[in-house]
C-alpha atoms as a PDB file:
ATOM      1  CA  UNK A   1     -27.006 -14.028  12.736  1.00  0.00           C
ATOM      2  CA  UNK A   2     -30.637 -14.806  13.499  1.00  0.00           C
ATOM      3  CA  UNK A   3     -31.679 -14.294   9.862  1.00  0.00           C
ATOM      4  CA  UNK A   4     -29.224 -16.938   8.655  1.00  0.00           C
ATOM      5  CA  UNK A   5     -30.278 -19.341  11.398  1.00  0.00           C
ATOM      6  CA  UNK A   6     -33.916 -18.999  10.354  1.00  0.00           C
ATOM      7  CA  UNK A   7     -33.178 -19.210   6.624  1.00  0.00           C
ATOM      8  CA  UNK A   8     -29.728 -20.659   5.758  1.00  0.00           C
ATOM      9  CA  UNK A   9     -30.432 -20.198   2.035  1.00  0.00           C
ATOM     10  CA  UNK A  10     -31.026 -16.438   2.250  1.00  0.00           C
ATOM     11  CA  UNK A  11     -28.075 -15.020   0.326  1.00  0.00           C
ATOM     12  CA  UNK A  12     -28.495 -11.428   1.522  1.00  0.00           C
ATOM     13  CA  UNK A  13     -28.057 -12.530   5.134  1.00  0.00           C
ATOM     14  CA  UNK A  14     -24.517 -13.720   4.436  1.00  0.00           C
ATOM     15  CA  UNK A  15     -23.591 -10.442   2.723  1.00  0.00           C
ATOM     16  CA  UNK A  16     -24.914  -8.454   5.688  1.00  0.00           C
ATOM     17  CA  UNK A  17     -22.978 -10.685   8.079  1.00  0.00           C
ATOM     18  CA  UNK A  18     -19.777 -10.274   6.074  1.00  0.00           C
ATOM     19  CA  UNK A  19     -20.132  -6.477   6.061  1.00  0.00           C
ATOM     20  CA  UNK A  20     -20.901  -6.385   9.789  1.00  0.00           C
ATOM     21  CA  UNK A  21     -17.752  -8.384  10.559  1.00  0.00           C
ATOM     22  CA  UNK A  22     -15.762  -6.097   8.279  1.00  0.00           C
ATOM     23  CA  UNK A  23     -17.083  -3.117  10.219  1.00  0.00           C
ATOM     24  CA  UNK A  24     -15.913  -4.744  13.438  1.00  0.00           C
ATOM     25  CA  UNK A  25     -12.469  -5.260  11.935  1.00  0.00           C
ATOM     26  CA  UNK A  26     -12.344  -1.659  10.742  1.00  0.00           C
ATOM     27  CA  UNK A  27     -13.192  -0.307  14.181  1.00  0.00           C
ATOM     28  CA  UNK A  28     -10.509  -2.427  15.831  1.00  0.00           C
ATOM     29  CA  UNK A  29      -7.827  -1.517  13.301  1.00  0.00           C
ATOM     30  CA  UNK A  30      -8.572   2.201  13.325  1.00  0.00           C
ATOM     31  CA  UNK A  31      -7.908   2.146  17.061  1.00  0.00           C
ATOM     32  CA  UNK A  32      -4.417   0.770  16.367  1.00  0.00           C
ATOM     33  CA  UNK A  33      -3.192   2.892  13.470  1.00  0.00           C
ATOM     34  CA  UNK A  34      -2.273   6.496  12.792  1.00  0.00           C
ATOM     35  CA  UNK A  35      -4.762   8.868  11.083  1.00  0.00           C
ATOM     36  CA  UNK A  36      -5.355   8.555   7.316  1.00  0.00           C
ATOM     37  CA  UNK A  37      -2.963  10.101   4.814  1.00  0.00           C
ATOM     38  CA  UNK A  38      -1.662  12.719   4.443  1.00  0.00           C
ATOM     39  CA  UNK A  39       0.166  12.421   7.756  1.00  0.00           C
ATOM     40  CA  UNK A  40       3.394  14.429   7.946  1.00  0.00           C
ATOM     41  CA  UNK A  41       4.220  13.566  11.525  1.00  0.00           C
ATOM     42  CA  UNK A  42       7.153  11.199  12.145  1.00  0.00           C
ATOM     43  CA  UNK A  43       6.422   7.710  13.493  1.00  0.00           C
ATOM     44  CA  UNK A  44       6.219   7.390  17.246  1.00  0.00           C
ATOM     45  CA  UNK A  45       9.008   5.248  18.647  1.00  0.00           C
ATOM     46  CA  UNK A  46       7.759   2.163  20.476  1.00  0.00           C
ATOM     47  CA  UNK A  47       9.668  -0.253  22.631  1.00  0.00           C
ATOM     48  CA  UNK A  48      10.126  -3.881  21.541  1.00  0.00           C
ATOM     49  CA  UNK A  49       7.470  -4.911  24.073  1.00  0.00           C
ATOM     50  CA  UNK A  50       5.015  -2.302  22.800  1.00  0.00           C
ATOM     51  CA  UNK A  51       5.578  -3.384  19.194  1.00  0.00           C
ATOM     52  CA  UNK A  52       5.030  -7.028  20.127  1.00  0.00           C
ATOM     53  CA  UNK A  53       1.792  -6.105  21.879  1.00  0.00           C
ATOM     54  CA  UNK A  54       0.662  -4.065  18.893  1.00  0.00           C
ATOM     55  CA  UNK A  55       1.320  -6.988  16.532  1.00  0.00           C
ATOM     56  CA  UNK A  56      -0.654  -9.253  18.848  1.00  0.00           C
ATOM     57  CA  UNK A  57      -3.570  -6.830  18.713  1.00  0.00           C
ATOM     58  CA  UNK A  58      -3.307  -6.583  14.917  1.00  0.00           C
ATOM     59  CA  UNK A  59      -3.507 -10.357  14.677  1.00  0.00           C
ATOM     60  CA  UNK A  60      -6.476 -10.372  17.037  1.00  0.00           C
ATOM     61  CA  UNK A  61      -8.200  -7.611  15.058  1.00  0.00           C
ATOM     62  CA  UNK A  62      -7.924  -9.688  11.872  1.00  0.00           C
ATOM     63  CA  UNK A  63      -9.836 -12.651  13.332  1.00  0.00           C
ATOM     64  CA  UNK A  64     -13.252 -11.456  12.012  1.00  0.00           C
ATOM     65  CA  UNK A  65     -11.843 -11.297   8.473  1.00  0.00           C
ATOM     66  CA  UNK A  66     -11.732 -15.060   8.010  1.00  0.00           C
ATOM     67  CA  UNK A  67     -15.367 -15.377   9.062  1.00  0.00           C
ATOM     68  CA  UNK A  68     -16.269 -12.386   6.866  1.00  0.00           C
ATOM     69  CA  UNK A  69     -14.563 -14.119   3.927  1.00  0.00           C
ATOM     70  CA  UNK A  70     -16.461 -17.365   4.589  1.00  0.00           C
ATOM     71  CA  UNK A  71     -19.781 -15.485   4.717  1.00  0.00           C
ATOM     72  CA  UNK A  72     -19.012 -13.585   1.516  1.00  0.00           C
ATOM     73  CA  UNK A  73     -18.037 -16.800  -0.251  1.00  0.00           C
ATOM     74  CA  UNK A  74     -21.345 -18.378   0.785  1.00  0.00           C
ATOM     75  CA  UNK A  75     -23.207 -15.317  -0.473  1.00  0.00           C
ATOM     76  CA  UNK A  76     -21.539 -15.592  -3.894  1.00  0.00           C
ATOM     77  CA  UNK A  77     -22.406 -19.290  -4.124  1.00  0.00           C
ATOM     78  CA  UNK A  78     -26.057 -18.603  -3.312  1.00  0.00           C
ATOM     79  CA  UNK A  79     -26.395 -15.477  -5.436  1.00  0.00           C
ATOM     80  CA  UNK A  80     -24.861 -16.100  -8.838  1.00  0.00           C
ATOM     81  CA  UNK A  81     -26.693 -13.181 -10.472  1.00  0.00           C
ATOM     82  CA  UNK A  82     -25.282 -10.278  -8.473  1.00  0.00           C
ATOM     83  CA  UNK A  83     -24.366  -7.499 -10.970  1.00  0.00           C
ATOM     84  CA  UNK A  84     -21.427  -6.632  -8.707  1.00  0.00           C
ATOM     85  CA  UNK A  85     -20.130 -10.210  -8.651  1.00  0.00           C
ATOM     86  CA  UNK A  86     -16.659  -9.176  -9.877  1.00  0.00           C
ATOM     87  CA  UNK A  87     -16.327  -6.550  -7.150  1.00  0.00           C
ATOM     88  CA  UNK A  88     -17.335  -8.955  -4.382  1.00  0.00           C
ATOM     89  CA  UNK A  89     -14.988 -11.661  -5.653  1.00  0.00           C
ATOM     90  CA  UNK A  90     -12.112  -9.178  -5.570  1.00  0.00           C
ATOM     91  CA  UNK A  91     -13.096  -8.326  -1.997  1.00  0.00           C
ATOM     92  CA  UNK A  92     -13.107 -12.032  -1.142  1.00  0.00           C
ATOM     93  CA  UNK A  93      -9.513 -12.400  -2.354  1.00  0.00           C
ATOM     94  CA  UNK A  94      -8.489  -9.327  -0.338  1.00  0.00           C
ATOM     95  CA  UNK A  95     -10.217 -10.645   2.785  1.00  0.00           C
ATOM     96  CA  UNK A  96      -8.259 -13.884   2.507  1.00  0.00           C
ATOM     97  CA  UNK A  97      -4.988 -11.962   2.090  1.00  0.00           C
ATOM     98  CA  UNK A  98      -5.663  -9.580   4.989  1.00  0.00           C
ATOM     99  CA  UNK A  99      -6.669 -12.395   7.343  1.00  0.00           C
ATOM    100  CA  UNK A 100      -3.286 -14.113   6.812  1.00  0.00           C
ATOM    101  CA  UNK A 101      -0.907 -11.153   6.813  1.00  0.00           C
ATOM    102  CA  UNK A 102       2.712 -11.868   7.679  1.00  0.00           C
ATOM    103  CA  UNK A 103       3.411  -9.751  10.786  1.00  0.00           C
ATOM    104  CA  UNK A 104       7.127 -10.583  11.005  1.00  0.00           C
ATOM    105  CA  UNK A 105       8.891  -7.310  10.053  1.00  0.00           C
ATOM    106  CA  UNK A 106      11.950  -9.240   8.852  1.00  0.00           C
ATOM    107  CA  UNK A 107       9.896 -11.140   6.261  1.00  0.00           C
ATOM    108  CA  UNK A 108       9.870  -9.830   2.656  1.00  0.00           C
ATOM    109  CA  UNK A 109       6.107 -10.493   2.620  1.00  0.00           C
ATOM    110  CA  UNK A 110       5.365  -8.489   5.767  1.00  0.00           C
ATOM    111  CA  UNK A 111       2.882  -5.607   5.719  1.00  0.00           C
ATOM    112  CA  UNK A 112       3.681  -3.157   8.484  1.00  0.00           C
ATOM    113  CA  UNK A 113       1.885  -0.398  10.341  1.00  0.00           C
ATOM    114  CA  UNK A 114       3.112   3.164  10.802  1.00  0.00           C
ATOM    115  CA  UNK A 115       4.743   2.472  14.164  1.00  0.00           C
ATOM    116  CA  UNK A 116       6.779  -0.405  12.780  1.00  0.00           C
ATOM    117  CA  UNK A 117       8.652   1.483  10.061  1.00  0.00           C
ATOM    118  CA  UNK A 118      11.619   3.812  10.263  1.00  0.00           C
ATOM    119  CA  UNK A 119      10.222   6.213   7.650  1.00  0.00           C
ATOM    120  CA  UNK A 120       6.551   6.343   6.700  1.00  0.00           C
ATOM    121  CA  UNK A 121       5.094   6.402   3.216  1.00  0.00           C
ATOM    122  CA  UNK A 122       5.442   9.810   1.539  1.00  0.00           C
ATOM    123  CA  UNK A 123       2.593  10.602  -0.855  1.00  0.00           C
ATOM    124  CA  UNK A 124       3.635  12.500  -3.973  1.00  0.00           C
ATOM    125  CA  UNK A 125       0.231  12.797  -5.658  1.00  0.00           C
ATOM    126  CA  UNK A 126      -3.272  11.621  -4.733  1.00  0.00           C
ATOM    127  CA  UNK A 127      -5.874  12.025  -7.491  1.00  0.00           C
ATOM    128  CA  UNK A 128      -9.477  12.576  -6.445  1.00  0.00           C
ATOM    129  CA  UNK A 129     -12.270  10.376  -7.832  1.00  0.00           C
ATOM    130  CA  UNK A 130     -15.157  11.801  -9.868  1.00  0.00           C
ATOM    131  CA  UNK A 131     -18.856  11.177  -9.395  1.00  0.00           C
ATOM    132  CA  UNK A 132     -20.611   8.656 -11.586  1.00  0.00           C
ATOM    133  CA  UNK A 133     -23.692   9.960 -13.356  1.00  0.00           C
ATOM    134  CA  UNK A 134     -25.824   7.316 -11.633  1.00  0.00           C
ATOM    135  CA  UNK A 135     -24.642   8.436  -8.193  1.00  0.00           C
ATOM    136  CA  UNK A 136     -25.233  12.091  -9.084  1.00  0.00           C
ATOM    137  CA  UNK A 137     -28.792  11.376 -10.242  1.00  0.00           C
ATOM    138  CA  UNK A 138     -29.449   9.407  -7.045  1.00  0.00           C
ATOM    139  CA  UNK A 139     -27.870  12.235  -4.999  1.00  0.00           C
ATOM    140  CA  UNK A 140     -25.639   9.821  -3.118  1.00  0.00           C
ATOM    141  CA  UNK A 141     -23.161  11.395  -0.723  1.00  0.00           C
ATOM    142  CA  UNK A 142     -20.820  10.022   1.916  1.00  0.00           C
ATOM    143  CA  UNK A 143     -17.339   8.655   2.418  1.00  0.00           C
ATOM    144  CA  UNK A 144     -15.660   5.594   0.936  1.00  0.00           C
ATOM    145  CA  UNK A 145     -13.126   4.203   3.398  1.00  0.00           C
ATOM    146  CA  UNK A 146     -10.459   1.829   2.114  1.00  0.00           C
ATOM    147  CA  UNK A 147      -7.669  -0.061   3.818  1.00  0.00           C
ATOM    148  CA  UNK A 148      -4.930  -0.636   1.273  1.00  0.00           C
ATOM    149  CA  UNK A 149      -1.335  -1.768   0.979  1.00  0.00           C
ATOM    150  CA  UNK A 150       1.251   0.737  -0.164  1.00  0.00           C
ATOM    151  CA  UNK A 151       3.686  -1.864  -1.397  1.00  0.00           C
ATOM    152  CA  UNK A 152       7.462  -1.756  -1.330  1.00  0.00           C
ATOM    153  CA  UNK A 153       7.545  -1.731  -5.160  1.00  0.00           C
ATOM    154  CA  UNK A 154       5.642   1.569  -5.340  1.00  0.00           C
ATOM    155  CA  UNK A 155       2.192   0.181  -6.202  1.00  0.00           C
ATOM    156  CA  UNK A 156      -1.071   0.484  -4.274  1.00  0.00           C
ATOM    157  CA  UNK A 157      -2.879  -2.840  -4.001  1.00  0.00           C
ATOM    158  CA  UNK A 158      -5.271  -5.042  -1.999  1.00  0.00           C
ATOM    159  CA  UNK A 159      -8.168  -2.652  -1.422  1.00  0.00           C
ATOM    160  CA  UNK A 160     -10.365  -3.693   1.481  1.00  0.00           C
ATOM    161  CA  UNK A 161     -13.569  -1.639   1.529  1.00  0.00           C
ATOM    162  CA  UNK A 162     -14.377  -0.604   5.097  1.00  0.00           C
ATOM    163  CA  UNK A 163     -17.195   1.770   4.109  1.00  0.00           C
ATOM    164  CA  UNK A 164     -19.011   1.237   0.804  1.00  0.00           C
ATOM    165  CA  UNK A 165     -21.010   3.659  -1.350  1.00  0.00           C
ATOM    166  CA  UNK A 166     -23.253   2.427  -4.219  1.00  0.00           C
ATOM    167  CA  UNK A 167     -23.702   3.443  -7.851  1.00  0.00           C
ATOM    168  CA  UNK A 168     -20.038   3.027  -8.749  1.00  0.00           C
ATOM    169  CA  UNK A 169     -18.593   5.460  -6.189  1.00  0.00           C
ATOM    170  CA  UNK A 170     -16.613   2.775  -4.365  1.00  0.00           C
ATOM    171  CA  UNK A 171     -15.143   1.599  -7.658  1.00  0.00           C
ATOM    172  CA  UNK A 172     -14.245   5.191  -8.564  1.00  0.00           C
ATOM    173  CA  UNK A 173     -12.467   5.562  -5.210  1.00  0.00           C
ATOM    174  CA  UNK A 174     -10.461   2.390  -5.838  1.00  0.00           C
ATOM    175  CA  UNK A 175      -9.543   3.573  -9.348  1.00  0.00           C
ATOM    176  CA  UNK A 176      -8.251   6.850  -7.880  1.00  0.00           C
ATOM    177  CA  UNK A 177      -6.334   5.025  -5.156  1.00  0.00           C
ATOM    178  CA  UNK A 178      -4.541   2.884  -7.743  1.00  0.00           C
ATOM    179  CA  UNK A 179      -3.124   6.077  -9.263  1.00  0.00           C
ATOM    180  CA  UNK A 180      -1.522   7.384  -6.062  1.00  0.00           C
ATOM    181  CA  UNK A 181       2.177   8.075  -6.472  1.00  0.00           C
ATOM    182  CA  UNK A 182       4.318   7.638  -3.381  1.00  0.00           C
ATOM    183  CA  UNK A 183       7.699   6.869  -1.942  1.00  0.00           C
ATOM    184  CA  UNK A 184       7.525   3.537  -0.065  1.00  0.00           C
ATOM    185  CA  UNK A 185       7.991   3.279   3.672  1.00  0.00           C
ATOM    186  CA  UNK A 186      11.448   2.300   4.914  1.00  0.00           C
ATOM    187  CA  UNK A 187      12.612  -0.032   7.632  1.00  0.00           C
ATOM    188  CA  UNK A 188      16.286   0.435   8.405  1.00  0.00           C
ATOM    189  CA  UNK A 189      16.816   1.902   4.933  1.00  0.00           C
ATOM    190  CA  UNK A 190      14.971  -0.856   3.026  1.00  0.00           C
ATOM    191  CA  UNK A 191      11.608  -0.323   1.247  1.00  0.00           C
ATOM    192  CA  UNK A 192       8.746  -2.176   2.943  1.00  0.00           C
ATOM    193  CA  UNK A 193       5.009  -2.541   2.441  1.00  0.00           C
ATOM    194  CA  UNK A 194       2.715  -0.607   4.754  1.00  0.00           C
ATOM    195  CA  UNK A 195      -1.008  -0.508   5.525  1.00  0.00           C
ATOM    196  CA  UNK A 196      -2.704   2.821   4.849  1.00  0.00           C
ATOM    197  CA  UNK A 197      -6.265   3.948   5.457  1.00  0.00           C
ATOM    198  CA  UNK A 198      -7.733   6.064   2.653  1.00  0.00           C
ATOM    199  CA  UNK A 199     -10.889   8.149   2.779  1.00  0.00           C
ATOM    200  CA  UNK A 200     -12.671   9.650  -0.231  1.00  0.00           C
ATOM    201  CA  UNK A 201     -15.488  12.107   0.422  1.00  0.00           C
ATOM    202  CA  UNK A 202     -18.280  12.470  -2.130  1.00  0.00           C
ATOM    203  CA  UNK A 203     -20.302  15.683  -1.822  1.00  0.00           C
ATOM    204  CA  UNK A 204     -22.674  17.086  -4.417  1.00  0.00           C
ATOM    205  CA  UNK A 205     -22.303  20.694  -3.268  1.00  0.00           C
END
């Protein structure tokens, strides 16, 4: 970015760059996956060649994540007084994980997409987040978009924030997402981990 080139010590420039790269990743991934939950439709069968091409595109889509992680890490080194330091450090860990996802469906560490599983995740309950008082006073509205892993052990983990809202709303969305109860996706009868996009709308009226 031009701002970073002109002033390499400007912390905010690295945060903006990281978020811009994350937005690029989100746009690419959304083009590859099924709509957000709930999604009752069965997975669409793909040929081996189509699945291989889809995995190639998933790997390609994740390329900006490594650069986004590097930019976020630089931001945290330059700005040690950010009140949301814990949140950004958690995002940094998630960025590193997402940029090195195992795409081999036979691997126990693989995280699959909807087209790669035999049976998709079945959501049993999905609590809604509540407004924070600060966000209500500031009249903040919008949508928090998360990309998360619905793991084979029945937990929701690794929350990558695609669209952020301030004043604690993003954190509230993540707290709600952690409480989702679901039946894991299956691949040939075995539980597997699967990527899911989650959207939480915050409206005052």
